Protein backbone atom coordinates (compact mmCIF):
# COMPACT_ATOMS: atom_id res chain seq x y z
CA MET A 1 0.00 0.00 0.00
CA ASN A 2 1.30 3.45 -0.95
CA LEU A 3 0.75 5.47 2.22
CA ALA A 4 2.05 8.82 0.97
CA PRO A 5 -1.26 10.06 -0.53
CA TYR A 6 -2.95 9.57 2.85
CA ILE A 7 -0.46 11.53 4.93
CA ASP A 8 -0.74 15.01 6.42
CA HIS A 9 2.93 15.48 7.35
CA THR A 10 2.59 17.29 10.66
CA LEU A 11 4.62 19.62 12.85
CA LEU A 12 2.60 21.44 15.51
CA LYS A 13 5.07 21.64 18.39
CA ALA A 14 5.51 24.97 20.16
CA THR A 15 9.25 24.66 19.59
CA ALA A 16 9.02 24.43 15.79
CA THR A 17 11.29 26.89 13.97
CA THR A 18 11.40 28.16 10.40
CA ALA A 19 14.20 25.68 9.69
CA ASP A 20 11.99 22.85 10.97
CA ILE A 21 9.11 23.93 8.75
CA ARG A 22 11.38 24.13 5.70
CA GLN A 23 12.57 20.59 6.41
CA LEU A 24 8.99 19.39 6.84
CA CYS A 25 8.05 20.89 3.48
CA ALA A 26 11.12 19.45 1.78
CA GLU A 27 10.20 15.99 3.07
CA ALA A 28 6.62 16.44 1.88
CA ARG A 29 7.86 17.41 -1.58
CA GLU A 30 10.27 14.48 -1.75
CA HIS A 31 7.71 11.87 -0.72
CA SER A 32 4.62 13.42 -2.37
CA PHE A 33 2.60 13.53 0.84
CA TYR A 34 -0.94 14.82 0.52
CA ALA A 35 -0.36 17.83 2.79
CA VAL A 36 1.71 19.38 5.51
CA CYS A 37 -0.03 20.52 8.69
CA VAL A 38 1.53 23.48 10.50
CA ASN A 39 0.51 26.11 13.02
CA PRO A 40 -1.08 29.25 11.50
CA VAL A 41 2.02 31.40 11.95
CA TYR A 42 3.87 29.15 9.50
CA VAL A 43 1.20 28.97 6.77
CA PRO A 44 2.81 31.66 4.56
CA LEU A 45 6.21 29.95 4.79
CA ALA A 46 4.73 26.55 3.95
CA VAL A 47 2.85 28.01 0.99
CA THR A 48 6.09 29.45 -0.36
CA GLU A 49 8.11 26.30 0.26
CA LEU A 50 5.53 24.07 -1.42
CA SER A 51 4.72 26.28 -4.40
CA GLY A 52 4.30 24.17 -7.52
CA SER A 53 4.63 20.88 -5.65
CA GLY A 54 0.97 19.85 -5.48
CA VAL A 55 1.31 19.31 -1.71
CA LYS A 56 -1.52 21.03 0.19
CA VAL A 57 -1.06 23.28 3.20
CA ALA A 58 -3.22 22.48 6.22
CA THR A 59 -3.34 24.35 9.50
CA VAL A 60 -5.19 24.22 12.82
CA CYS A 61 -7.89 26.29 14.51
CA GLY A 62 -8.82 26.49 18.19
CA PHE A 63 -5.89 24.16 18.74
CA PRO A 64 -5.35 22.12 20.84
CA LEU A 65 -8.04 22.84 23.46
CA GLY A 66 -11.04 23.94 21.40
CA ALA A 67 -11.93 26.45 24.11
CA LEU A 68 -12.53 29.54 21.97
CA LEU A 69 -15.76 31.26 21.01
CA PRO A 70 -17.13 30.16 17.63
CA GLU A 71 -16.57 33.69 16.35
CA GLN A 72 -12.91 33.54 17.36
CA LYS A 73 -12.42 30.21 15.62
CA ALA A 74 -14.14 31.57 12.52
CA VAL A 75 -11.78 34.56 12.34
CA GLU A 76 -8.74 32.35 12.94
CA ALA A 77 -9.78 29.97 10.17
CA ARG A 78 -10.55 32.80 7.73
CA LEU A 79 -7.20 34.49 8.31
CA SER A 80 -5.37 31.20 7.77
CA VAL A 81 -7.16 30.62 4.48
CA GLU A 82 -6.43 34.19 3.40
CA ALA A 83 -2.76 33.45 4.17
CA GLY A 84 -2.87 30.49 1.79
CA ALA A 85 -4.05 27.46 3.78
CA ASP A 86 -5.99 24.90 1.75
CA GLU A 87 -7.37 23.01 4.74
CA VAL A 88 -8.21 23.79 8.37
CA ASP A 89 -8.33 21.28 11.23
CA MET A 90 -10.50 22.75 14.03
CA VAL A 91 -11.05 21.42 17.55
CA ILE A 92 -14.63 21.20 18.82
CA HIS A 93 -15.85 22.74 22.07
CA ILE A 94 -14.92 19.69 24.12
CA GLY A 95 -16.63 20.91 27.29
CA ALA A 96 -19.92 21.26 25.42
CA ALA A 97 -19.51 17.72 24.11
CA LEU A 98 -18.95 16.37 27.61
CA GLU A 99 -22.13 18.14 28.73
CA GLY A 100 -24.10 16.75 25.81
CA ASP A 101 -24.77 20.18 24.32
CA TRP A 102 -24.68 19.00 20.73
CA GLU A 103 -26.38 22.12 19.43
CA ALA A 104 -23.42 24.15 20.70
CA VAL A 105 -20.93 21.71 19.16
CA GLU A 106 -22.68 21.84 15.80
CA ALA A 107 -22.97 25.65 15.92
CA ASP A 108 -19.25 25.89 16.66
CA VAL A 109 -18.44 23.83 13.57
CA ARG A 110 -20.94 25.72 11.43
CA ALA A 111 -19.38 29.08 12.34
CA VAL A 112 -16.04 27.93 10.95
CA ARG A 113 -17.68 26.31 7.93
CA ARG A 114 -19.35 29.59 7.02
CA ALA A 115 -16.06 31.47 7.42
CA ILE A 116 -14.23 29.18 4.96
CA PRO A 117 -16.93 27.86 2.62
CA ASP A 118 -14.53 26.84 -0.16
CA SER A 119 -11.80 25.22 1.94
CA VAL A 120 -11.51 21.73 3.38
CA LEU A 121 -12.67 21.64 7.00
CA LYS A 122 -11.58 18.83 9.31
CA VAL A 123 -13.22 18.68 12.73
CA ILE A 124 -11.28 17.18 15.64
CA ILE A 125 -13.54 15.54 18.24
CA GLU A 126 -10.69 14.45 20.58
CA THR A 127 -11.87 10.89 21.10
CA SER A 128 -9.72 10.22 24.18
CA TYR A 129 -11.99 12.47 26.27
CA LEU A 130 -15.28 10.96 25.10
CA ASP A 131 -17.16 7.72 25.66
CA ASP A 132 -18.60 5.82 22.72
CA VAL A 133 -22.02 7.50 22.94
CA GLN A 134 -20.36 10.91 22.96
CA LYS A 135 -18.04 9.96 20.09
CA ARG A 136 -21.04 9.04 17.98
CA ALA A 137 -22.89 12.23 18.81
CA ALA A 138 -19.79 14.40 18.28
CA THR A 139 -19.17 12.80 14.89
CA GLU A 140 -22.76 13.44 13.86
CA ALA A 141 -22.62 17.05 15.08
CA ALA A 142 -19.42 17.63 13.12
CA VAL A 143 -20.90 16.29 9.89
CA SER A 144 -24.15 18.18 10.42
CA GLY A 145 -22.14 21.36 10.98
CA GLY A 146 -20.44 20.98 7.62
CA ALA A 147 -17.25 18.99 8.21
CA ASP A 148 -15.48 17.55 5.18
CA PHE A 149 -13.55 15.25 7.53
CA VAL A 150 -14.00 14.19 11.13
CA LYS A 151 -10.65 13.75 12.87
CA THR A 152 -9.96 11.59 15.90
CA SER A 153 -7.40 13.57 17.86
CA THR A 154 -5.09 16.53 18.25
CA GLY A 155 -2.16 14.35 19.27
CA PHE A 156 -1.85 16.48 22.41
CA ALA A 157 -4.41 14.69 24.61
CA THR A 158 -4.08 11.54 26.71
CA SER A 159 -4.15 9.26 23.67
CA GLY A 160 -4.67 9.35 19.93
CA ALA A 161 -6.44 7.39 17.23
CA THR A 162 -7.54 3.80 17.68
CA VAL A 163 -8.84 1.38 15.10
CA GLU A 164 -12.01 0.98 17.16
CA ASP A 165 -12.68 4.71 17.14
CA VAL A 166 -12.10 4.98 13.40
CA ARG A 167 -14.49 2.09 12.82
CA LEU A 168 -17.12 3.72 15.07
CA MET A 169 -16.78 7.06 13.25
CA ALA A 170 -17.02 5.36 9.86
CA GLU A 171 -20.27 3.72 10.92
CA VAL A 172 -21.77 7.06 11.95
CA ILE A 173 -20.49 8.99 8.93
CA ALA A 174 -21.65 6.36 6.44
CA GLY A 175 -19.73 7.93 3.58
CA ARG A 176 -20.88 11.52 4.17
CA ALA A 177 -17.38 12.78 5.07
CA GLY A 178 -13.79 11.60 5.29
CA ILE A 179 -12.06 10.39 8.44
CA LYS A 180 -8.63 11.54 9.59
CA ALA A 181 -6.85 9.32 12.09
CA ALA A 182 -4.23 11.25 14.04
CA GLY A 183 -2.10 10.66 17.08
CA GLY A 184 -0.26 7.39 17.58
CA VAL A 185 -0.04 6.30 13.93
CA ARG A 186 3.53 5.14 14.39
CA THR A 187 4.12 2.15 12.11
CA PRO A 188 3.10 1.06 8.60
CA ALA A 189 0.93 -1.60 10.25
CA ASP A 190 -0.83 1.08 12.31
CA ALA A 191 -1.43 3.11 9.16
CA ARG A 192 -2.82 0.20 7.19
CA ALA A 193 -5.11 -0.80 10.06
CA MET A 194 -6.53 2.72 10.28
CA ILE A 195 -7.17 2.81 6.54
CA GLU A 196 -8.81 -0.60 6.57
CA ALA A 197 -11.07 0.61 9.41
CA GLY A 198 -12.20 3.60 7.33
CA ALA A 199 -9.59 6.37 7.62
CA THR A 200 -9.10 8.39 4.44
CA ARG A 201 -6.34 10.62 5.81
CA LEU A 202 -3.57 10.11 8.38
CA GLY A 203 -2.07 12.83 10.56
CA THR A 204 1.46 12.02 11.67
CA SER A 205 4.79 13.64 12.38
CA GLY A 206 6.45 10.39 11.31
CA GLY A 207 5.45 10.32 7.66
CA VAL A 208 8.96 9.73 6.36
CA ALA A 209 9.42 6.71 8.60
CA LEU A 210 6.03 5.35 7.59
CA VAL A 211 6.67 5.47 3.86
CA SER A 212 10.16 4.02 4.33
CA GLY A 213 8.65 1.04 6.14
CA GLU A 214 9.99 1.90 9.58
CA GLY A 215 8.28 2.75 12.85
CA SER A 216 8.14 6.49 13.43
CA GLY A 217 8.58 6.36 17.20
CA SER A 218 6.71 9.66 17.21
CA GLY A 219 4.37 11.08 19.81
CA TYR A 220 2.03 12.37 17.12
């Protein structure tokens, strides 16, 4: 299986430097990854580094906690797209999800969707904080709010993607959106298992190791 077209080659650490982002983009070019995923401050640099390559630029919104007003997330997403981002990965209002306020979760997603109507929107539900009932409801709220993808995890919580969670999300989505598995996709076997369960995109900082057939040993 060629994993490269599934991979969002990711660097979201607070310690990332311009040199790190340039290296990330060079690796993405070399291996023909689908996208890089960087923090908003580095979107213009990534756009420049990847010009003409066909590799997309993704960024994050309300990351990693999700605890911003919908209007704040909408502005953040819009500014990132205006800076050149092709895709935005937003974090839901996790507290609202834990309280079962699915109207608030959906409204949060919809605010960002309206701000970037022509860009790919991935919605992170942070599965490690939710039980199965909440995961199902959060997935449905994300799709109803306009998500193009529902994403398992930020990679900054207590755990990341699991095959079981991807399978659960695929059942709820029923082909209406893509699924991005992120956090803990460390080996080619992990990647293949996620794809077989229904993932259509993989978020990982270890993309080079994955496509070379090695374990990434990465925390994301």
